[in-house]
N, C-alpha and C. Protein backbone atom coordinates (compact mmCIF):
# COMPACT_ATOMS: atom_id res chain seq x y z
N MET A 1 0.84 -1.22 0.03
CA MET A 1 0.07 0.00 0.01
C MET A 1 0.74 1.36 0.00
N LEU A 2 2.13 1.27 0.67
CA LEU A 2 2.83 2.24 0.69
C LEU A 2 3.30 2.61 -0.54
N ARG A 3 3.73 1.74 -1.39
CA ARG A 3 4.15 2.14 -2.85
C ARG A 3 2.98 2.61 -3.68
N ASN A 4 1.73 2.07 -3.42
CA ASN A 4 0.56 2.55 -4.25
C ASN A 4 0.40 3.99 -3.97
N ILE A 5 0.36 4.42 -2.62
CA ILE A 5 0.03 5.76 -2.35
C ILE A 5 1.35 6.73 -3.06
N LEU A 6 2.46 6.28 -2.75
CA LEU A 6 3.53 7.22 -3.54
C LEU A 6 3.51 7.32 -4.83
N GLU A 7 3.09 6.25 -5.54
CA GLU A 7 3.02 6.17 -7.07
C GLU A 7 1.74 7.26 -7.18
N LEU A 8 0.77 7.27 -6.64
CA LEU A 8 -0.43 8.05 -6.71
C LEU A 8 0.04 9.73 -6.63
N PHE A 9 0.77 9.90 -5.61
CA PHE A 9 1.46 11.17 -5.32
C PHE A 9 2.42 11.67 -6.31
N ARG A 10 3.03 10.79 -6.98
CA ARG A 10 4.06 10.99 -7.96
C ARG A 10 3.41 11.40 -9.16
N ASN A 11 2.26 10.89 -9.52
CA ASN A 11 1.63 11.13 -10.73
C ASN A 11 0.58 12.37 -10.48
N GLY A 12 0.64 13.02 -9.38
CA GLY A 12 -0.15 14.15 -8.94
C GLY A 12 -1.54 13.95 -8.64
N LYS A 13 -1.82 12.74 -8.16
CA LYS A 13 -3.22 12.28 -7.71
C LYS A 13 -3.47 12.85 -6.21
N MET A 14 -4.69 13.04 -5.83
CA MET A 14 -5.14 13.29 -4.38
C MET A 14 -5.89 12.03 -4.08
N ILE A 15 -5.86 12.10 -2.73
CA ILE A 15 -6.45 10.69 -2.23
C ILE A 15 -7.55 11.08 -1.20
N CYS A 16 -8.78 10.50 -1.47
CA CYS A 16 -10.04 11.03 -0.60
C CYS A 16 -10.81 9.74 -0.57
N PRO A 17 -11.94 9.67 0.35
CA PRO A 17 -12.59 8.41 0.56
C PRO A 17 -13.47 8.10 -0.86
N ILE A 18 -13.54 8.93 -1.73
CA ILE A 18 -14.25 8.67 -3.16
C ILE A 18 -13.45 8.22 -4.09
N SER A 19 -12.21 8.91 -4.38
CA SER A 19 -11.26 8.50 -5.50
C SER A 19 -10.43 7.21 -5.17
N HIS A 20 -10.04 7.09 -3.84
CA HIS A 20 -9.23 5.95 -3.41
C HIS A 20 -9.41 5.65 -2.15
N PRO A 21 -10.52 4.91 -2.06
CA PRO A 21 -11.16 4.39 -0.60
C PRO A 21 -10.02 3.60 0.28
N ASN A 22 -9.21 2.61 -0.49
CA ASN A 22 -8.37 1.78 0.38
C ASN A 22 -7.22 2.78 0.77
N GLU A 23 -6.68 3.33 -0.03
CA GLU A 23 -5.48 4.18 0.08
C GLU A 23 -5.92 5.23 1.27
N PHE A 24 -6.98 5.89 1.15
CA PHE A 24 -7.40 6.80 2.17
C PHE A 24 -7.40 6.18 3.47
N GLN A 25 -8.02 4.89 3.68
CA GLN A 25 -8.15 4.30 4.80
C GLN A 25 -6.90 3.94 5.45
N ALA A 26 -5.88 3.43 4.59
CA ALA A 26 -4.52 3.24 5.23
C ALA A 26 -3.81 4.40 5.49
N LEU A 27 -4.07 5.61 4.98
CA LEU A 27 -3.35 6.84 5.54
C LEU A 27 -4.17 7.21 6.96
N GLU A 28 -5.55 6.89 6.98
CA GLU A 28 -6.32 7.16 8.30
C GLU A 28 -5.85 6.24 9.34
N ASP A 29 -5.40 5.04 9.14
CA ASP A 29 -5.08 3.89 9.95
C ASP A 29 -3.49 4.04 10.39
N GLY A 30 -2.88 5.02 10.01
CA GLY A 30 -1.67 5.26 10.67
C GLY A 30 -0.61 5.20 9.58
N LEU A 31 -0.69 5.18 8.30
CA LEU A 31 0.39 5.09 7.36
C LEU A 31 0.86 6.50 6.89
N ALA A 32 0.26 7.45 7.41
CA ALA A 32 0.41 8.87 7.12
C ALA A 32 1.99 9.49 7.45
N PRO A 33 2.57 9.02 8.61
CA PRO A 33 3.88 9.47 9.05
C PRO A 33 4.87 8.61 8.15
N GLN A 34 4.78 7.45 7.83
CA GLN A 34 5.69 6.79 6.91
C GLN A 34 5.66 7.41 5.32
N ILE A 35 4.38 7.74 4.92
CA ILE A 35 4.32 8.45 3.57
C ILE A 35 5.08 9.88 3.83
N ASP A 36 4.92 10.55 4.85
CA ASP A 36 5.60 11.88 4.99
C ASP A 36 7.15 11.69 5.00
N SER A 37 7.55 10.73 5.60
CA SER A 37 8.94 10.54 5.79
C SER A 37 9.54 10.01 4.24
N ALA A 38 8.69 9.22 3.62
CA ALA A 38 9.16 8.83 2.26
C ALA A 38 9.29 9.94 1.22
N LEU A 39 8.43 11.06 1.67
CA LEU A 39 8.38 12.12 0.43
C LEU A 39 9.46 13.07 0.79
N ALA A 40 9.86 13.28 2.02
CA ALA A 40 10.87 14.13 2.64
C ALA A 40 12.08 14.26 1.66
N PRO A 41 12.78 13.17 1.45
CA PRO A 41 14.06 13.35 0.49
C PRO A 41 13.77 13.98 -0.95
N TYR A 42 12.54 14.07 -1.31
CA TYR A 42 12.09 14.71 -2.47
C TYR A 42 11.70 15.99 -2.38
N GLY A 43 11.66 16.60 -1.08
CA GLY A 43 11.59 18.03 -0.91
C GLY A 43 9.86 18.11 -0.84
N ARG A 44 9.16 17.16 -0.53
CA ARG A 44 7.93 17.14 -0.61
C ARG A 44 7.49 16.73 0.86
N LYS A 45 6.03 17.13 1.05
CA LYS A 45 5.43 16.75 2.22
C LYS A 45 3.97 16.22 2.15
N LEU A 46 3.41 15.52 3.04
CA LEU A 46 2.15 15.11 3.05
C LEU A 46 1.27 16.16 3.60
N VAL A 47 0.23 16.54 2.98
CA VAL A 47 -0.81 17.38 3.28
C VAL A 47 -2.02 16.90 3.53
N GLN A 48 -2.88 16.99 4.70
CA GLN A 48 -4.20 16.58 4.95
C GLN A 48 -5.07 17.84 5.30
N LYS A 49 -6.30 17.89 4.59
CA LYS A 49 -7.20 18.83 4.80
C LYS A 49 -8.42 18.23 4.70
N ASP A 50 -8.95 18.08 5.75
CA ASP A 50 -10.41 17.39 6.10
C ASP A 50 -10.15 15.91 5.51
N ASP A 51 -10.88 15.55 4.49
CA ASP A 51 -10.86 14.18 4.09
C ASP A 51 -10.09 14.12 2.68
N LEU A 52 -8.91 14.78 2.74
CA LEU A 52 -8.27 14.80 1.49
C LEU A 52 -6.56 14.93 1.82
N TYR A 53 -6.15 13.96 1.01
CA TYR A 53 -4.59 13.96 1.22
C TYR A 53 -4.03 14.06 -0.02
N TYR A 54 -2.83 14.83 -0.05
CA TYR A 54 -2.00 15.09 -1.28
C TYR A 54 -0.57 15.46 -0.87
N SER A 55 0.33 15.42 -1.95
CA SER A 55 1.66 15.79 -1.66
C SER A 55 2.00 17.09 -2.08
N SER A 56 2.66 17.85 -1.32
CA SER A 56 3.05 19.28 -1.78
C SER A 56 4.47 19.52 -1.48
N TYR A 57 4.97 20.61 -2.12
CA TYR A 57 6.45 20.96 -1.97
C TYR A 57 6.68 21.55 -0.44
N ALA A 58 7.64 20.97 0.05
CA ALA A 58 7.86 21.19 1.47
C ALA A 58 8.24 22.90 1.60
N ASN A 59 9.01 23.52 0.71
CA ASN A 59 9.57 24.87 0.66
C ASN A 59 9.67 25.36 -0.80
N CYS A 60 10.01 26.58 -0.74
CA CYS A 60 10.29 27.24 -2.00
C CYS A 60 11.76 27.54 -2.20
N ASP A 61 12.52 26.70 -1.65
CA ASP A 61 14.00 27.19 -1.45
C ASP A 61 14.65 26.85 -3.01
N ARG A 62 14.46 25.74 -3.52
CA ARG A 62 14.96 25.42 -4.88
C ARG A 62 14.27 25.97 -6.05
N LYS A 63 14.93 26.38 -7.02
CA LYS A 63 14.39 26.94 -8.30
C LYS A 63 13.56 25.92 -8.88
N ALA A 64 14.08 24.67 -9.05
CA ALA A 64 13.21 23.62 -9.70
C ALA A 64 11.95 23.58 -9.00
N ASP A 65 11.75 23.65 -7.65
CA ASP A 65 10.66 23.49 -6.84
C ASP A 65 9.65 24.66 -7.19
N ARG A 66 10.33 25.73 -7.30
CA ARG A 66 9.61 27.00 -7.58
C ARG A 66 8.96 26.90 -8.63
N THR A 67 9.67 26.53 -9.75
CA THR A 67 9.08 26.41 -11.11
C THR A 67 7.85 25.36 -11.19
N ALA A 68 8.16 24.33 -10.72
CA ALA A 68 7.04 23.20 -10.49
C ALA A 68 5.84 23.74 -9.88
N MET A 69 5.96 24.51 -8.77
CA MET A 69 4.82 24.99 -8.10
C MET A 69 4.14 26.09 -9.04
N ARG A 70 4.73 26.91 -9.68
CA ARG A 70 4.32 27.73 -10.61
C ARG A 70 3.41 26.90 -11.67
N GLU A 71 3.97 25.94 -12.28
CA GLU A 71 3.20 25.29 -13.19
C GLU A 71 2.11 24.71 -12.61
N GLN A 72 1.94 24.23 -11.42
CA GLN A 72 0.86 23.66 -10.86
C GLN A 72 -0.25 24.66 -10.76
N LEU A 73 0.19 25.86 -10.34
CA LEU A 73 -0.76 27.00 -10.10
C LEU A 73 -1.44 27.35 -11.66
N ARG A 74 -0.41 27.44 -12.66
CA ARG A 74 -0.80 27.68 -13.86
C ARG A 74 -1.96 26.73 -14.39
N ILE A 75 -1.71 25.39 -14.29
CA ILE A 75 -2.60 24.57 -14.78
C ILE A 75 -4.03 24.65 -14.16
N ILE A 76 -4.03 24.80 -12.69
CA ILE A 76 -5.22 25.29 -12.05
C ILE A 76 -5.83 26.55 -12.52
N ARG A 77 -5.28 27.53 -12.75
CA ARG A 77 -5.55 28.75 -13.09
C ARG A 77 -6.34 28.55 -14.50
N ASP A 78 -5.63 27.58 -15.43
CA ASP A 78 -6.23 27.56 -16.87
C ASP A 78 -7.40 26.65 -16.75
N SER A 79 -7.73 25.96 -15.60
CA SER A 79 -8.83 25.11 -15.72
C SER A 79 -10.18 25.69 -14.78
N VAL A 80 -9.85 26.97 -14.32
CA VAL A 80 -10.72 27.71 -13.51
C VAL A 80 -12.20 27.77 -14.28
N ALA A 81 -12.10 28.45 -15.49
CA ALA A 81 -13.23 28.69 -16.25
C ALA A 81 -14.03 27.43 -16.64
N PRO A 82 -13.44 26.44 -17.28
CA PRO A 82 -14.32 25.08 -17.47
C PRO A 82 -15.02 24.56 -16.11
N ILE A 83 -14.19 24.53 -15.06
CA ILE A 83 -14.73 23.88 -13.78
C ILE A 83 -15.88 24.79 -13.43
N ILE A 84 -15.51 26.06 -13.36
CA ILE A 84 -16.77 26.95 -12.89
C ILE A 84 -18.05 26.76 -13.70
N ASP A 85 -17.89 26.58 -14.94
CA ASP A 85 -18.97 26.56 -15.99
C ASP A 85 -19.70 25.12 -15.74
N PHE A 86 -18.83 24.05 -15.42
CA PHE A 86 -19.49 22.95 -15.03
C PHE A 86 -20.35 22.88 -13.84
N ILE A 87 -19.68 23.50 -12.81
CA ILE A 87 -20.52 23.71 -11.50
C ILE A 87 -21.66 24.59 -11.83
N THR A 88 -21.53 25.59 -12.60
CA THR A 88 -22.82 26.31 -13.06
C THR A 88 -23.82 25.64 -13.63
N LEU A 89 -23.38 24.93 -14.47
CA LEU A 89 -24.52 24.12 -15.37
C LEU A 89 -25.23 23.14 -14.30
N ILE A 90 -24.51 22.43 -13.51
CA ILE A 90 -24.95 21.45 -12.46
C ILE A 90 -26.05 22.18 -11.62
N ILE A 91 -25.81 23.29 -11.04
CA ILE A 91 -26.52 24.17 -10.08
C ILE A 91 -27.72 24.41 -10.83
N ARG A 92 -27.60 24.85 -12.00
CA ARG A 92 -28.82 25.66 -12.81
C ARG A 92 -29.77 24.26 -13.35
N ALA A 93 -29.22 23.36 -13.72
CA ALA A 93 -29.89 22.43 -14.33
C ALA A 93 -30.57 21.61 -13.42
N GLU A 94 -29.85 21.13 -12.20
CA GLU A 94 -30.62 20.40 -11.32
C GLU A 94 -31.12 21.09 -9.98
N GLY A 95 -31.03 22.50 -10.20
CA GLY A 95 -31.77 23.34 -9.25
C GLY A 95 -31.31 23.36 -7.79
N ARG A 96 -29.92 23.02 -7.67
CA ARG A 96 -29.25 22.92 -6.47
C ARG A 96 -29.30 24.37 -5.59
N ASN A 97 -29.13 24.30 -4.34
CA ASN A 97 -29.11 25.60 -3.44
C ASN A 97 -27.80 25.82 -3.14
N GLU A 98 -26.86 25.10 -3.56
CA GLU A 98 -25.32 25.31 -3.13
C GLU A 98 -24.33 24.73 -4.14
N THR A 99 -23.10 25.05 -3.96
CA THR A 99 -22.20 24.63 -5.04
C THR A 99 -21.92 23.01 -4.69
N LEU A 100 -21.19 22.58 -5.48
CA LEU A 100 -20.53 20.99 -5.40
C LEU A 100 -19.83 20.66 -4.19
N ARG A 101 -19.98 19.77 -3.60
CA ARG A 101 -19.32 19.32 -2.41
C ARG A 101 -18.77 17.80 -2.62
N PRO A 102 -17.67 17.41 -2.03
CA PRO A 102 -17.47 15.95 -2.14
C PRO A 102 -18.57 15.21 -1.60
N THR A 103 -18.65 14.00 -2.24
CA THR A 103 -19.79 13.02 -1.93
C THR A 103 -21.08 13.32 -2.83
N ASP A 104 -21.29 14.50 -3.31
CA ASP A 104 -22.38 14.85 -4.19
C ASP A 104 -22.49 13.97 -5.40
N THR A 105 -23.53 13.47 -5.84
CA THR A 105 -23.61 12.57 -6.92
C THR A 105 -24.40 13.27 -7.98
N ILE A 106 -23.98 12.96 -9.32
CA ILE A 106 -24.64 13.30 -10.43
C ILE A 106 -24.98 12.16 -11.38
N LYS A 107 -26.18 12.05 -11.79
CA LYS A 107 -26.61 10.97 -12.65
C LYS A 107 -26.58 11.56 -14.12
N LEU A 108 -25.80 11.14 -14.93
CA LEU A 108 -25.58 11.55 -16.19
C LEU A 108 -26.76 11.57 -17.10
N PRO A 109 -27.59 10.49 -17.17
CA PRO A 109 -28.82 10.39 -17.97
C PRO A 109 -29.76 11.49 -17.48
N ASP A 110 -29.99 11.62 -16.07
CA ASP A 110 -30.95 12.68 -15.51
C ASP A 110 -30.57 14.04 -16.08
N LEU A 111 -29.32 14.32 -15.83
CA LEU A 111 -28.85 15.57 -16.13
C LEU A 111 -29.00 15.73 -17.77
N LEU A 112 -28.71 14.86 -18.65
CA LEU A 112 -28.91 15.04 -20.01
C LEU A 112 -30.30 15.50 -20.25
N LYS A 113 -31.34 14.81 -19.67
CA LYS A 113 -32.90 15.03 -19.86
C LYS A 113 -33.11 16.44 -19.60
N LYS A 114 -32.66 16.94 -18.49
CA LYS A 114 -33.01 18.29 -17.96
C LYS A 114 -32.41 19.27 -18.96
N ILE A 115 -31.15 19.13 -19.50
CA ILE A 115 -30.43 19.90 -20.49
C ILE A 115 -31.14 19.78 -21.78
N SER A 116 -31.80 18.78 -22.14
CA SER A 116 -32.64 18.67 -23.34
C SER A 116 -33.90 19.23 -23.42
N ASP A 117 -34.26 19.51 -22.22
CA ASP A 117 -35.64 20.18 -21.98
C ASP A 117 -35.50 21.72 -21.86
N GLU A 118 -34.24 22.24 -21.87
CA GLU A 118 -34.21 23.61 -21.69
C GLU A 118 -33.05 24.40 -22.66
N THR A 119 -33.31 25.14 -23.40
CA THR A 119 -32.48 25.80 -24.36
C THR A 119 -31.30 26.58 -23.60
N ALA A 120 -31.64 27.08 -22.45
CA ALA A 120 -30.46 27.69 -21.66
C ALA A 120 -29.45 26.93 -21.18
N TYR A 121 -30.00 25.75 -20.85
CA TYR A 121 -28.92 24.82 -20.32
C TYR A 121 -28.06 24.23 -21.59
N GLN A 122 -28.85 23.99 -22.66
CA GLN A 122 -28.04 23.59 -23.80
C GLN A 122 -26.80 24.49 -24.21
N LYS A 123 -27.26 25.84 -24.11
CA LYS A 123 -26.10 26.91 -24.36
C LYS A 123 -25.02 26.80 -23.31
N ASP A 124 -25.25 26.47 -22.09
CA ASP A 124 -24.49 26.23 -21.04
C ASP A 124 -23.66 25.17 -21.46
N LEU A 125 -23.94 24.11 -21.87
CA LEU A 125 -23.16 22.82 -22.33
C LEU A 125 -22.53 23.32 -23.43
N ASP A 126 -22.89 24.04 -24.42
CA ASP A 126 -22.07 24.40 -25.75
C ASP A 126 -20.90 25.03 -25.03
N ARG A 127 -21.04 26.15 -24.25
CA ARG A 127 -19.82 26.81 -23.58
C ARG A 127 -18.91 25.80 -23.03
N LEU A 128 -19.36 25.08 -22.17
CA LEU A 128 -18.41 24.25 -21.39
C LEU A 128 -17.62 23.34 -22.39
N SER A 129 -18.35 22.59 -23.30
CA SER A 129 -17.78 21.62 -24.10
C SER A 129 -16.84 22.40 -25.02
N ALA A 130 -17.06 23.49 -25.31
CA ALA A 130 -16.12 24.27 -26.13
C ALA A 130 -14.68 24.74 -25.56
N HIS A 131 -14.52 24.59 -24.19
CA HIS A 131 -13.23 24.98 -23.45
C HIS A 131 -12.22 23.93 -24.00
N LYS A 132 -10.93 24.40 -23.88
CA LYS A 132 -9.76 23.56 -24.38
C LYS A 132 -9.81 22.31 -23.35
N GLY A 133 -9.60 21.35 -23.90
CA GLY A 133 -9.60 20.03 -23.20
C GLY A 133 -11.04 19.30 -23.35
N PHE A 134 -11.98 20.18 -23.49
CA PHE A 134 -13.59 19.50 -23.50
C PHE A 134 -14.16 20.07 -24.99
N ASN A 135 -13.12 20.31 -25.86
CA ASN A 135 -13.62 20.82 -27.29
C ASN A 135 -14.19 19.61 -28.04
N THR A 136 -15.40 19.35 -27.80
CA THR A 136 -15.86 18.06 -28.41
C THR A 136 -16.73 18.28 -29.71
N HIS A 137 -16.83 19.63 -30.05
CA HIS A 137 -18.12 19.79 -31.10
C HIS A 137 -17.83 18.88 -32.37
N LYS A 138 -16.62 18.91 -32.91
CA LYS A 138 -16.20 18.39 -34.11
C LYS A 138 -16.33 16.68 -34.05
N VAL A 139 -16.01 16.00 -32.96
CA VAL A 139 -15.98 14.87 -32.73
C VAL A 139 -17.20 14.30 -32.08
N ALA A 140 -18.07 15.09 -31.43
CA ALA A 140 -19.23 14.75 -30.67
C ALA A 140 -20.26 15.69 -30.95
N PRO A 141 -20.92 15.61 -32.06
CA PRO A 141 -21.92 16.67 -32.51
C PRO A 141 -23.11 16.44 -31.57
N ASN A 142 -23.58 15.34 -30.97
CA ASN A 142 -24.80 15.49 -30.20
C ASN A 142 -24.56 15.67 -28.79
N MET A 143 -25.73 16.05 -28.12
CA MET A 143 -25.37 16.47 -26.61
C MET A 143 -24.93 15.42 -25.65
N MET A 144 -25.36 14.10 -25.85
CA MET A 144 -24.95 13.08 -25.11
C MET A 144 -23.47 12.81 -25.02
N ASP A 145 -22.99 12.85 -26.39
CA ASP A 145 -21.51 12.46 -26.52
C ASP A 145 -20.57 13.57 -26.11
N ARG A 146 -21.20 14.92 -26.14
CA ARG A 146 -20.35 16.00 -25.65
C ARG A 146 -20.42 16.09 -24.03
N LEU A 147 -21.64 15.70 -23.59
CA LEU A 147 -21.73 15.71 -22.06
C LEU A 147 -20.78 14.64 -21.55
N LYS A 148 -20.80 13.38 -22.05
CA LYS A 148 -19.93 12.34 -21.78
C LYS A 148 -18.58 12.64 -21.75
N LYS A 149 -18.08 13.26 -22.75
CA LYS A 149 -16.78 13.58 -22.95
C LYS A 149 -16.28 14.75 -21.83
N VAL A 150 -17.12 15.78 -21.53
CA VAL A 150 -16.95 16.56 -20.26
C VAL A 150 -16.69 15.74 -19.01
N PHE A 151 -17.69 14.73 -18.82
CA PHE A 151 -17.65 14.06 -17.52
C PHE A 151 -16.33 13.14 -17.57
N GLU A 152 -16.05 12.78 -18.75
CA GLU A 152 -14.56 11.86 -18.74
C GLU A 152 -13.43 12.68 -18.46
N GLY A 153 -13.43 13.94 -18.98
CA GLY A 153 -12.49 14.94 -18.71
C GLY A 153 -12.25 15.20 -17.25
N LEU A 154 -13.24 15.44 -16.69
CA LEU A 154 -13.22 15.78 -15.30
C LEU A 154 -13.03 14.59 -14.39
N HIS A 155 -13.47 13.47 -14.91
CA HIS A 155 -12.92 12.24 -14.24
C HIS A 155 -11.44 12.00 -14.32
N ASN A 156 -10.71 12.22 -15.49
CA ASN A 156 -9.40 12.29 -15.64
C ASN A 156 -8.67 13.20 -14.91
N MET A 157 -9.29 14.30 -14.63
CA MET A 157 -8.81 15.37 -13.79
C MET A 157 -8.73 15.14 -12.34
N GLY A 158 -9.53 14.05 -11.99
CA GLY A 158 -9.72 13.87 -10.46
C GLY A 158 -10.78 14.39 -9.87
N TYR A 159 -11.69 15.34 -10.46
CA TYR A 159 -12.82 15.85 -9.80
C TYR A 159 -13.86 14.94 -9.69
N LEU A 160 -14.21 14.12 -10.57
CA LEU A 160 -15.34 13.21 -10.53
C LEU A 160 -14.80 11.79 -10.51
N SER A 161 -15.64 10.80 -9.91
CA SER A 161 -15.40 9.37 -9.88
C SER A 161 -16.57 8.70 -10.33
N LEU A 162 -16.41 7.84 -11.10
CA LEU A 162 -17.38 6.98 -11.79
C LEU A 162 -17.93 5.90 -10.59
N SER A 163 -19.03 6.21 -9.96
CA SER A 163 -19.24 5.29 -8.79
C SER A 163 -20.28 4.18 -9.27
N ASN A 164 -20.99 4.36 -10.30
CA ASN A 164 -21.81 3.33 -10.91
C ASN A 164 -21.99 3.35 -12.38
N ALA A 165 -21.06 2.56 -13.02
CA ALA A 165 -20.66 2.57 -14.51
C ALA A 165 -22.10 2.35 -15.18
N GLU A 166 -22.96 1.22 -14.75
CA GLU A 166 -24.14 1.03 -15.42
C GLU A 166 -25.24 2.08 -15.44
N ALA A 167 -25.39 2.71 -14.26
CA ALA A 167 -26.17 3.80 -14.18
C ALA A 167 -25.69 5.12 -14.69
N GLN A 168 -24.52 5.10 -14.83
CA GLN A 168 -23.75 6.41 -15.17
C GLN A 168 -23.84 7.38 -14.25
N ILE A 169 -23.50 7.12 -12.95
CA ILE A 169 -23.64 7.83 -11.75
C ILE A 169 -22.14 8.23 -11.37
N TYR A 170 -21.91 9.53 -11.25
CA TYR A 170 -20.43 10.31 -10.88
C TYR A 170 -20.64 10.77 -9.42
N THR A 171 -19.45 10.61 -8.73
CA THR A 171 -19.44 11.15 -7.37
C THR A 171 -18.45 12.21 -7.34
N VAL A 172 -18.64 13.39 -7.02
CA VAL A 172 -17.52 14.51 -6.74
C VAL A 172 -16.67 14.14 -5.56
N THR A 173 -15.36 14.31 -5.94
CA THR A 173 -14.14 13.83 -5.18
C THR A 173 -13.82 15.00 -4.15
N GLY A 174 -12.83 14.75 -3.23
CA GLY A 174 -12.44 15.74 -2.49
C GLY A 174 -11.66 16.82 -3.21
N ARG A 175 -11.08 16.56 -4.37
CA ARG A 175 -10.28 17.51 -5.03
C ARG A 175 -10.98 18.89 -5.32
N ILE A 176 -12.32 18.61 -5.39
CA ILE A 176 -13.12 19.97 -5.59
C ILE A 176 -12.74 21.01 -4.46
N GLU A 177 -12.65 20.58 -3.19
CA GLU A 177 -12.16 21.40 -1.96
C GLU A 177 -10.86 22.12 -2.40
N HIS A 178 -9.93 21.27 -2.71
CA HIS A 178 -8.81 22.13 -3.18
C HIS A 178 -8.79 23.00 -4.31
N PHE A 179 -9.63 22.72 -5.23
CA PHE A 179 -9.96 23.73 -6.16
C PHE A 179 -10.54 25.07 -5.76
N TYR A 180 -11.47 24.86 -4.70
CA TYR A 180 -12.04 26.14 -4.12
C TYR A 180 -10.96 26.99 -3.37
N GLU A 181 -10.07 26.14 -2.61
CA GLU A 181 -9.13 27.01 -1.94
C GLU A 181 -7.89 27.53 -2.71
N VAL A 182 -7.74 26.81 -3.83
CA VAL A 182 -6.77 27.61 -4.83
C VAL A 182 -7.38 28.84 -5.57
N LEU A 183 -8.60 28.55 -5.94
CA LEU A 183 -9.39 29.67 -6.44
C LEU A 183 -9.58 30.80 -5.78
N ALA A 184 -9.75 30.69 -4.29
CA ALA A 184 -9.82 31.88 -3.48
C ALA A 184 -8.24 32.40 -3.30
N PHE A 185 -7.33 31.52 -3.32
CA PHE A 185 -5.99 32.13 -3.27
C PHE A 185 -5.63 32.92 -4.40
N ILE A 186 -5.73 32.47 -5.50
CA ILE A 186 -5.53 33.18 -6.78
C ILE A 186 -6.30 34.56 -6.87
N ALA A 187 -7.62 34.57 -6.29
CA ALA A 187 -8.18 35.58 -6.43
C ALA A 187 -7.72 36.78 -5.26
N GLU A 188 -7.18 36.24 -4.34
CA GLU A 188 -6.58 37.24 -3.37
C GLU A 188 -5.25 37.56 -3.79
N HIS A 189 -4.64 36.82 -4.49
CA HIS A 189 -3.13 37.08 -4.86
C HIS A 189 -3.14 37.34 -6.39
N GLU A 190 -3.74 38.44 -7.06
CA GLU A 190 -3.85 38.52 -8.41
C GLU A 190 -2.41 38.84 -9.01
N ASP A 191 -1.49 39.16 -8.30
CA ASP A 191 -0.17 39.36 -8.68
C ASP A 191 0.74 38.27 -8.68
N ILE A 192 0.27 37.17 -8.69
CA ILE A 192 1.28 35.84 -8.74
C ILE A 192 1.90 35.72 -10.06
N PRO A 193 3.23 35.73 -9.93
CA PRO A 193 3.90 35.95 -11.21
C PRO A 193 4.00 34.33 -11.74
N LEU A 194 3.13 33.95 -12.44
CA LEU A 194 2.87 32.71 -13.13
C LEU A 194 3.60 32.53 -14.53
N ASP A 195 3.57 33.88 -15.34
CA ASP A 195 4.17 33.71 -16.53
C ASP A 195 5.56 34.54 -16.45
N GLY A 196 6.58 33.74 -16.85
CA GLY A 196 7.89 34.49 -16.62
C GLY A 196 8.37 34.73 -15.26
N GLU A 197 9.45 35.46 -15.08
CA GLU A 197 10.03 35.82 -13.79
C GLU A 197 10.22 34.50 -13.00
N GLU A 198 11.18 33.81 -13.66
CA GLU A 198 11.34 32.35 -13.02
C GLU A 198 11.94 32.39 -11.67
N ASP A 199 12.64 33.47 -11.40
CA ASP A 199 13.43 33.52 -10.31
C ASP A 199 12.81 34.10 -9.12
N GLN A 200 11.50 34.72 -9.44
CA GLN A 200 10.69 35.32 -8.42
C GLN A 200 10.24 34.22 -7.31
N PRO A 201 10.05 34.47 -6.15
CA PRO A 201 9.64 33.60 -5.13
C PRO A 201 8.13 33.31 -5.13
N VAL A 202 7.71 32.08 -4.88
CA VAL A 202 6.25 32.00 -5.11
C VAL A 202 5.64 32.36 -3.92
N GLN A 203 4.61 32.85 -3.80
CA GLN A 203 3.98 33.58 -2.61
C GLN A 203 3.42 32.50 -1.65
N GLU A 204 3.69 32.51 -0.45
CA GLU A 204 3.38 31.24 0.54
C GLU A 204 1.96 31.45 0.96
N GLY A 205 1.55 30.42 1.76
CA GLY A 205 0.06 30.41 2.10
C GLY A 205 -0.87 29.37 1.34
N LEU A 206 -0.01 28.67 0.57
CA LEU A 206 -0.97 27.59 -0.10
C LEU A 206 -0.13 26.46 -0.47
N ASP A 207 -0.75 25.29 -0.15
CA ASP A 207 0.04 24.11 -0.44
C ASP A 207 -0.46 23.47 -1.95
N VAL A 208 0.60 23.31 -2.89
CA VAL A 208 0.09 22.86 -4.10
C VAL A 208 1.23 21.80 -4.45
């Protein structure tokens, strides 16, 4: 299990009860200190926030680490618009009273029916599926194919877990909480030098 968890962190994955239940339970049962010690020689540390575990850089002393941290922030920054558009579509189409949280479930066929019944939601899907990474118009001309590709993209990014393949039910993972945290940090620190200025220090206060 130790190796499994380290491999997940090496590949940039986050561990929560939804995305990786066995690994999460192992961390909860006492494996966390060993993981933290194993990460230390690589300048990384184990971070736990609520029901989410992930690997972050221990400090910003090394130029290579600063560069990698900026790249992670850049990736999240570039994903802000499509994820917000996805959350907006879900809230509007399903009539939710609050934003998405971990363990929330979304049944793809039910969502498709609601989108099909409302022109405004179809426009929301058009905008969402046109984002870089979700650009499915040419290869997926119908709504179901486009919606599937959006869900597959968010699944690959770690924000959704396919909890029931037959019924096409997806569950929101703990990674969404990290997204909200980074989003708030970026909004607060609009002067983060993500493009160029490679030798400038990365602002502290956020684990990435």
